[in-house]
Every structure is written in structure tokens, then in C-alpha cells.
N, C-alpha and C. Protein backbone atom coordinates (compact mmCIF):
# COMPACT_ATOMS: atom_id res chain seq x y z
N MET A 1 17.34 -24.17 0.87
CA MET A 1 16.72 -22.97 0.46
C MET A 1 16.52 -21.68 1.55
N GLU A 2 16.35 -20.58 1.04
CA GLU A 2 16.55 -19.53 2.17
C GLU A 2 15.19 -18.92 1.56
N LEU A 3 14.43 -18.92 2.99
CA LEU A 3 13.32 -18.66 3.28
C LEU A 3 13.10 -16.43 3.41
N GLY A 4 12.18 -16.18 2.68
CA GLY A 4 11.22 -15.03 2.45
C GLY A 4 11.08 -14.58 4.38
N PRO A 5 10.70 -13.22 3.45
CA PRO A 5 10.39 -12.06 5.23
C PRO A 5 8.90 -12.87 5.31
N SER A 6 8.56 -12.98 3.98
CA SER A 6 6.81 -13.52 4.73
C SER A 6 6.57 -15.25 4.66
N ASP A 7 7.72 -15.89 5.16
CA ASP A 7 7.97 -17.29 5.07
C ASP A 7 8.15 -17.57 7.18
N VAL A 8 8.80 -16.46 6.84
CA VAL A 8 9.42 -15.77 8.68
C VAL A 8 8.72 -15.59 9.37
N PHE A 9 7.83 -14.41 8.61
CA PHE A 9 6.61 -14.46 9.55
C PHE A 9 5.54 -14.73 9.65
N LYS A 10 5.21 -15.42 8.67
CA LYS A 10 4.67 -16.54 8.76
C LYS A 10 4.44 -17.72 9.99
N ALA A 11 5.69 -18.08 10.13
CA ALA A 11 5.96 -19.05 11.23
C ALA A 11 5.71 -18.33 12.43
N LEU A 12 6.21 -17.25 12.73
CA LEU A 12 5.51 -16.30 13.70
C LEU A 12 4.16 -15.83 14.16
N SER A 13 3.67 -16.32 13.11
CA SER A 13 1.72 -15.51 13.10
C SER A 13 0.65 -16.31 13.21
N VAL A 14 1.46 -17.61 14.43
CA VAL A 14 1.12 -18.29 15.70
C VAL A 14 1.11 -18.37 16.97
N ASP A 15 0.26 -17.64 17.70
CA ASP A 15 0.80 -17.42 19.31
C ASP A 15 1.09 -18.30 20.09
N THR A 16 1.34 -19.72 19.42
CA THR A 16 1.62 -20.61 20.44
C THR A 16 3.40 -20.75 20.44
N ARG A 17 3.57 -20.07 19.03
CA ARG A 17 5.01 -20.73 18.38
C ARG A 17 5.20 -18.72 18.91
N LEU A 18 4.88 -18.22 19.26
CA LEU A 18 5.42 -17.18 19.42
C LEU A 18 5.14 -16.89 21.01
N LYS A 19 4.54 -17.93 21.97
CA LYS A 19 5.58 -18.07 23.54
C LYS A 19 6.13 -19.23 23.20
N ILE A 20 6.70 -19.58 22.34
CA ILE A 20 7.95 -20.80 22.75
C ILE A 20 8.94 -19.61 22.25
N ILE A 21 8.90 -18.86 21.37
CA ILE A 21 9.92 -17.80 21.70
C ILE A 21 10.78 -17.36 23.08
N GLU A 22 9.25 -16.18 22.86
CA GLU A 22 9.54 -15.67 24.31
C GLU A 22 9.29 -17.17 25.59
N LEU A 23 9.23 -18.11 26.05
CA LEU A 23 9.86 -18.86 27.19
C LEU A 23 12.13 -19.23 26.61
N LEU A 24 11.55 -19.46 24.80
CA LEU A 24 13.55 -20.03 25.25
C LEU A 24 13.83 -18.68 25.82
N LYS A 25 13.54 -17.54 24.72
CA LYS A 25 14.00 -16.17 25.07
C LYS A 25 14.75 -16.00 27.01
N SER A 26 13.91 -15.96 27.69
CA SER A 26 14.02 -15.82 28.99
C SER A 26 14.36 -17.26 29.74
N ARG A 27 14.48 -18.20 29.51
CA ARG A 27 14.70 -19.37 30.08
C ARG A 27 15.76 -20.14 29.15
N GLY A 28 16.46 -20.04 28.20
CA GLY A 28 17.15 -20.61 27.35
C GLY A 28 16.67 -21.77 26.94
N PRO A 29 18.16 -22.67 26.80
CA PRO A 29 17.31 -24.06 26.07
C PRO A 29 16.55 -25.11 26.64
N LEU A 30 15.40 -25.18 25.69
CA LEU A 30 14.61 -25.90 26.64
C LEU A 30 14.42 -27.04 25.75
N GLY A 31 13.81 -28.83 26.47
CA GLY A 31 13.42 -29.92 25.62
C GLY A 31 12.28 -29.49 25.44
N VAL A 32 11.10 -29.98 24.08
CA VAL A 32 9.74 -30.31 23.89
C VAL A 32 9.28 -30.56 25.60
N LYS A 33 9.01 -31.07 26.60
CA LYS A 33 8.46 -32.09 27.28
C LYS A 33 8.39 -30.77 28.41
N THR A 34 9.51 -29.82 28.36
CA THR A 34 9.09 -28.49 29.60
C THR A 34 8.54 -27.42 28.65
N ILE A 35 9.15 -27.99 27.00
CA ILE A 35 7.94 -26.22 26.96
C ILE A 35 6.22 -26.93 26.91
N ALA A 36 6.25 -27.86 26.74
CA ALA A 36 4.45 -28.28 26.47
C ALA A 36 4.37 -28.11 27.79
N GLU A 37 5.13 -28.45 28.73
CA GLU A 37 4.33 -28.25 30.82
C GLU A 37 3.97 -27.07 30.96
N GLU A 38 4.59 -26.59 30.17
CA GLU A 38 5.01 -24.85 30.50
C GLU A 38 3.37 -24.20 29.65
N LEU A 39 3.14 -24.13 28.76
CA LEU A 39 2.51 -23.77 27.77
C LEU A 39 1.20 -24.47 27.88
N GLY A 40 0.76 -25.34 28.64
CA GLY A 40 -0.04 -26.46 28.65
C GLY A 40 -0.26 -27.06 27.55
N VAL A 41 0.79 -27.97 26.37
CA VAL A 41 0.25 -27.54 25.14
C VAL A 41 0.43 -29.28 25.02
N THR A 42 0.31 -30.11 24.78
CA THR A 42 0.75 -31.85 24.06
C THR A 42 2.08 -31.69 23.85
N PRO A 43 3.44 -32.35 23.70
CA PRO A 43 4.20 -32.53 23.33
C PRO A 43 4.84 -32.57 21.98
N SER A 44 3.36 -33.31 21.72
CA SER A 44 3.58 -33.74 19.72
C SER A 44 3.22 -31.89 19.46
N ALA A 45 2.03 -31.51 20.20
CA ALA A 45 1.77 -29.71 18.74
C ALA A 45 3.45 -28.96 18.97
N ILE A 46 4.07 -29.42 20.35
CA ILE A 46 5.27 -28.54 20.68
C ILE A 46 6.00 -28.92 19.62
N SER A 47 6.31 -30.52 19.76
CA SER A 47 7.09 -30.66 17.88
C SER A 47 6.82 -30.19 16.60
N GLN A 48 5.81 -30.30 16.87
CA GLN A 48 4.97 -29.57 15.01
C GLN A 48 5.64 -27.85 15.51
N HIS A 49 5.06 -27.32 16.20
CA HIS A 49 5.16 -25.84 16.01
C HIS A 49 7.15 -25.28 16.25
N LEU A 50 7.84 -26.34 16.99
CA LEU A 50 9.27 -25.95 16.40
C LEU A 50 10.29 -26.78 15.34
N ARG A 51 9.42 -27.39 14.70
CA ARG A 51 10.20 -28.08 13.64
C ARG A 51 9.86 -26.74 12.19
N VAL A 52 8.23 -26.14 12.86
CA VAL A 52 7.68 -24.88 11.77
C VAL A 52 9.10 -23.77 11.96
N LEU A 53 9.56 -23.86 13.49
CA LEU A 53 10.45 -22.93 13.73
C LEU A 53 11.55 -22.91 13.04
N ARG A 54 12.00 -23.66 13.42
CA ARG A 54 13.73 -24.35 12.45
C ARG A 54 13.45 -23.94 11.23
N GLN A 55 12.05 -24.72 10.50
CA GLN A 55 12.08 -24.71 9.18
C GLN A 55 12.58 -23.16 9.02
N ALA A 56 12.10 -21.97 9.76
CA ALA A 56 12.13 -20.40 9.65
C ALA A 56 13.54 -20.41 9.87
N GLY A 57 14.48 -20.77 10.64
CA GLY A 57 15.80 -20.70 10.60
C GLY A 57 15.83 -19.76 12.35
N LEU A 58 14.18 -19.69 12.79
CA LEU A 58 14.14 -19.25 14.18
C LEU A 58 14.75 -19.58 15.35
N VAL A 59 14.68 -21.15 15.33
CA VAL A 59 14.83 -21.91 17.02
C VAL A 59 16.93 -22.88 16.15
N ASP A 60 16.87 -23.73 17.05
CA ASP A 60 17.89 -24.25 16.68
C ASP A 60 17.94 -25.68 17.97
N ARG A 61 18.48 -27.00 17.25
CA ARG A 61 18.36 -27.70 18.40
C ARG A 61 20.00 -28.28 18.59
N GLU A 62 19.59 -29.60 19.57
CA GLU A 62 20.86 -29.76 19.73
C GLU A 62 21.00 -30.88 20.07
N ARG A 63 21.24 -32.03 19.59
CA ARG A 63 21.06 -33.52 20.88
C ARG A 63 22.22 -33.33 21.39
N LYS A 64 21.50 -33.73 22.51
CA LYS A 64 22.71 -34.66 24.01
C LYS A 64 22.25 -35.58 24.48
N GLY A 65 22.65 -36.02 23.84
CA GLY A 65 21.85 -37.92 24.39
C GLY A 65 20.88 -38.21 24.00
N TYR A 66 20.00 -37.97 25.15
CA TYR A 66 18.62 -38.52 24.56
C TYR A 66 17.55 -37.32 24.87
N TRP A 67 18.72 -35.82 25.34
CA TRP A 67 17.62 -35.06 25.44
C TRP A 67 17.69 -33.83 23.96
N VAL A 68 17.09 -33.22 23.16
CA VAL A 68 17.31 -32.05 22.15
C VAL A 68 16.57 -30.81 23.07
N PRO A 69 18.15 -30.51 23.66
CA PRO A 69 17.43 -29.18 24.19
C PRO A 69 17.18 -28.19 22.89
N TYR A 70 16.08 -27.25 23.12
CA TYR A 70 16.02 -26.02 21.73
C TYR A 70 16.17 -24.67 22.54
N SER A 71 16.45 -23.87 20.91
CA SER A 71 17.36 -23.11 22.13
C SER A 71 17.16 -21.79 20.39
N ILE A 72 16.50 -20.63 21.07
CA ILE A 72 16.90 -19.39 19.88
C ILE A 72 18.12 -18.71 19.09
N ASP A 73 17.74 -18.93 17.71
CA ASP A 73 19.06 -18.69 16.75
C ASP A 73 18.97 -16.94 16.68
N GLU A 74 19.75 -16.68 18.00
CA GLU A 74 20.01 -14.61 18.16
C GLU A 74 19.69 -13.80 16.81
N GLU A 75 20.67 -14.56 15.76
CA GLU A 75 21.06 -14.33 14.81
C GLU A 75 19.50 -13.99 13.97
N ALA A 76 18.84 -15.07 13.39
CA ALA A 76 17.84 -15.11 13.27
C ALA A 76 16.88 -13.73 13.26
N LEU A 77 17.05 -14.06 14.99
CA LEU A 77 15.84 -13.27 15.77
C LEU A 77 16.20 -11.82 15.43
N GLY A 78 17.40 -11.35 15.12
CA GLY A 78 18.28 -9.96 15.16
C GLY A 78 17.35 -9.52 13.28
N SER A 79 17.70 -10.82 12.46
CA SER A 79 17.09 -10.43 11.62
C SER A 79 15.39 -10.17 11.11
N CYS A 80 15.32 -10.90 12.21
CA CYS A 80 13.26 -10.60 11.91
C CYS A 80 13.27 -9.12 12.19
N CYS A 81 14.00 -8.24 12.99
CA CYS A 81 14.18 -7.40 13.65
C CYS A 81 14.30 -5.87 12.66
N GLY A 82 15.55 -6.32 11.89
CA GLY A 82 16.02 -5.47 10.72
C GLY A 82 14.54 -5.41 9.30
N MET A 83 14.15 -6.81 9.23
CA MET A 83 12.70 -7.09 8.10
C MET A 83 11.49 -6.11 8.50
N LEU A 84 11.53 -5.88 10.62
CA LEU A 84 10.73 -4.79 11.04
C LEU A 84 10.01 -3.77 10.50
N ILE A 85 12.00 -3.41 11.07
CA ILE A 85 12.67 -1.76 10.51
C ILE A 85 12.55 -1.48 8.60
N ASP A 86 13.07 -1.83 8.07
CA ASP A 86 12.24 -1.77 7.14
C ASP A 86 11.35 -1.92 6.59
N VAL A 87 10.14 -2.10 7.08
CA VAL A 87 8.57 -1.28 6.57
C VAL A 87 8.19 -1.52 8.01
N CYS A 88 8.78 -0.86 8.90
CA CYS A 88 8.43 0.49 9.57
C CYS A 88 7.43 1.60 9.45
N THR A 89 6.34 2.08 9.68
CA THR A 89 5.87 3.25 9.48
C THR A 89 6.15 4.54 10.43
N CYS A 90 7.15 4.28 10.90
CA CYS A 90 7.57 5.21 12.07
C CYS A 90 9.17 6.43 11.75
N ASP A 91 10.09 5.39 11.01
CA ASP A 91 10.11 6.09 9.83
C ASP A 91 11.74 5.83 11.71
N CYS A 92 11.58 5.02 11.44
CA CYS A 92 13.00 5.08 12.96
C CYS A 92 13.93 4.19 12.52
N GLY A 93 13.78 3.35 11.39
CA GLY A 93 14.95 2.80 11.55
C GLY A 93 16.03 3.29 9.29
N ARG A 94 15.45 4.54 9.26
CA ARG A 94 15.71 4.44 7.55
C ARG A 94 16.27 5.63 7.71
N PRO A 95 17.02 5.90 6.85
CA PRO A 95 18.42 7.22 6.35
C PRO A 95 16.74 8.74 6.12
N PRO A 96 17.65 9.54 6.52
CA PRO A 96 16.60 10.99 6.66
C PRO A 96 15.93 11.43 5.17
N HIS A 97 16.84 10.84 4.04
CA HIS A 97 16.40 11.22 2.60
C HIS A 97 14.96 10.26 2.10
N HIS A 98 15.24 9.38 3.00
CA HIS A 98 13.89 7.94 2.89
C HIS A 98 12.85 7.73 3.80
N ARG A 99 12.94 8.83 4.44
CA ARG A 99 11.70 9.42 5.74
C ARG A 99 10.66 9.73 5.05
N GLY A 100 9.60 9.59 5.62
CA GLY A 100 8.62 10.80 5.38
C GLY A 100 8.53 11.75 5.87
N SER A 101 7.09 12.53 5.24
CA SER A 101 6.69 14.11 5.35
C SER A 101 5.79 14.07 6.53
N GLY A 102 5.75 13.76 7.40
CA GLY A 102 4.51 13.85 8.56
C GLY A 102 5.16 14.72 8.86
N PRO A 103 4.30 15.52 9.90
CA PRO A 103 4.36 16.50 10.92
C PRO A 103 5.80 15.74 11.94
N PRO A 104 6.64 17.03 12.28
CA PRO A 104 8.35 17.10 13.53
C PRO A 104 7.09 15.86 14.53
N ALA A 105 6.24 16.65 15.13
CA ALA A 105 6.09 15.67 16.40
C ALA A 105 5.77 14.71 16.40
N THR A 106 4.84 14.14 15.54
CA THR A 106 4.28 12.79 15.08
C THR A 106 5.68 11.98 14.87
N GLN A 107 6.56 12.70 14.30
CA GLN A 107 8.16 11.31 14.30
C GLN A 107 8.64 11.52 15.44
N ILE A 108 8.82 12.90 16.25
CA ILE A 108 9.48 12.71 17.44
C ILE A 108 9.34 12.06 18.44
N GLU A 109 7.59 11.84 18.56
CA GLU A 109 6.71 10.45 19.53
C GLU A 109 6.86 9.45 18.73
N ALA A 110 6.78 9.46 17.86
CA ALA A 110 7.03 7.71 17.21
C ALA A 110 8.25 7.41 17.53
N LEU A 111 9.65 8.45 17.35
CA LEU A 111 11.12 7.92 17.71
C LEU A 111 10.85 7.27 19.14
N GLU A 112 10.54 8.22 20.00
CA GLU A 112 10.58 8.16 21.76
C GLU A 112 10.09 7.50 22.37
N GLY A 113 9.37 6.76 21.84
CA GLY A 113 8.16 5.57 21.84
C GLY A 113 8.78 3.89 21.53
N TYR A 114 9.95 4.24 19.93
CA TYR A 114 10.57 2.94 19.54
C TYR A 114 11.68 3.22 21.09
N ARG A 115 12.53 4.44 21.29
CA ARG A 115 13.91 4.31 22.23
C ARG A 115 12.99 3.87 23.35
N ARG A 116 11.94 4.25 23.99
CA ARG A 116 11.78 3.51 25.20
C ARG A 116 11.02 1.51 24.80
N THR A 117 11.07 1.77 24.15
CA THR A 117 10.96 -0.19 23.80
C THR A 117 12.50 -0.59 23.35
N LEU A 118 13.45 0.28 22.60
CA LEU A 118 15.02 -0.46 23.08
C LEU A 118 15.93 -0.36 24.49
N GLU A 119 15.06 0.58 25.26
CA GLU A 119 15.55 0.76 26.42
C GLU A 119 14.88 -0.33 28.18
N GLU A 120 13.97 -0.87 26.65
CA GLU A 120 13.31 -2.19 27.76
C GLU A 120 13.85 -2.97 27.49
N ARG A 121 13.96 -3.18 26.21
CA ARG A 121 15.08 -4.39 25.90
C ARG A 121 15.88 -4.51 25.92
N ILE A 122 16.92 -3.61 26.16
CA ILE A 122 18.60 -3.73 26.64
C ILE A 122 18.24 -4.07 27.98
N ALA A 123 17.09 -3.08 29.58
CA ALA A 123 16.91 -3.68 30.41
C ALA A 123 16.87 -5.56 30.67
N GLU A 124 15.89 -5.64 29.73
CA GLU A 124 15.97 -7.11 30.05
C GLU A 124 16.76 -7.43 29.74
N LEU A 125 17.67 -7.23 28.57
CA LEU A 125 19.22 -7.91 28.33
C LEU A 125 19.57 -8.25 29.30
N ASP A 126 19.72 -6.91 29.89
CA ASP A 126 20.99 -7.15 30.48
C ASP A 126 20.60 -7.71 31.87
N ARG A 127 19.09 -7.96 32.31
CA ARG A 127 18.72 -8.90 33.49
C ARG A 127 18.94 -10.32 33.26
N ARG A 128 19.24 -10.80 31.81
CA ARG A 128 19.38 -12.13 31.50
C ARG A 128 20.34 -12.49 31.31
N ILE A 129 21.62 -11.69 31.10
CA ILE A 129 22.93 -11.88 30.95
C ILE A 129 22.81 -11.42 32.59
N ALA A 130 22.83 -10.77 33.77
CA ALA A 130 23.60 -11.05 34.88
C ALA A 130 22.44 -12.50 35.54
N GLU A 131 21.49 -12.92 35.82
CA GLU A 131 20.86 -14.34 35.71
C GLU A 131 21.98 -15.20 35.03
N LEU A 132 22.31 -15.40 33.74
CA LEU A 132 23.25 -16.82 32.86
C LEU A 132 24.87 -16.63 34.04
N ARG A 133 25.04 -14.94 34.65
CA ARG A 133 26.39 -15.09 35.49
C ARG A 133 26.07 -15.48 36.13
N ARG A 134 24.89 -15.14 36.97
CA ARG A 134 25.06 -15.81 38.30
C ARG A 134 24.45 -17.27 38.30
N GLU A 135 23.67 -17.67 37.87
CA GLU A 135 24.36 -19.27 37.35
C GLU A 135 25.38 -20.23 36.42
N ARG A 136 26.21 -19.36 35.84
CA ARG A 136 27.76 -19.96 35.99
C ARG A 136 28.50 -19.67 36.94
N LYS A 137 28.13 -18.79 38.00
CA LYS A 137 29.20 -18.91 39.25
C LYS A 137 28.93 -20.19 40.20
């Protein structure tokens, strides 16, 4: 059963789940116990949040003996970004013929803000890639 955008964003509407996503993004695959310790939440509660995130397709798990690490499904997270761009009011992701008729200065400011956000994300990705390369050595 494929979930729609409202189902995915409903899964992301809980602060603890967003913190789990951020933690997995920054630290890579983690087990329930580690996530619980990091967030100060019981392992049982973390398991329930992870179940919802898995049902929404946002996280994956892979059993490794007794340890079950959870990780981000990068493709699904990218799909979420696409869903947001589809409803974005700053017109950053729409083709020119679909853009609003707001004042150019407002559109320019919105697009510059979007560019800054993307540049910050790229810098974050570069840091994470460098970190993973150091760990691999």
C-alpha cells in the first residue's frame, strides 16, 4: 500500500520523530537503545516512533544478529522534499509558466532564501561525506 503525502507528513508531525530523523541523518544507522539514550525517551516509545516512520517509508532497518540498526531512506526523504516543492509558495520549484504574479523583489528574496538553505544543506552533506570517508580509513 503506497502512502500519500498527507500520510508521510503526518508521520513527520511529531517532534520526537523529527529528532529521530535528524539523529539518523547526522550519525548514520543506530539501534533503538542508542536513539532512546540520545533523545532521553524510553526504548519502547522509540520503537513505536520507528514503526510509524517505517510504515511511512522514511526509515529502513536491517537485522545484524541481535542488533537492528535503523537508517534513513534517502530516496523517500528526497521524495518528501519534492512534495514540499510542489506546494511551496515561494515558486522556487515551479516552471516559469506556473509561477505566481507577485512582485519580482519578493520572488527574488524568496529564491535567495531558498538558495541559502540549499547551500547550507550542501555544506552539511559535504561535512557528512568527509566524516564518513575519515571513518572508512
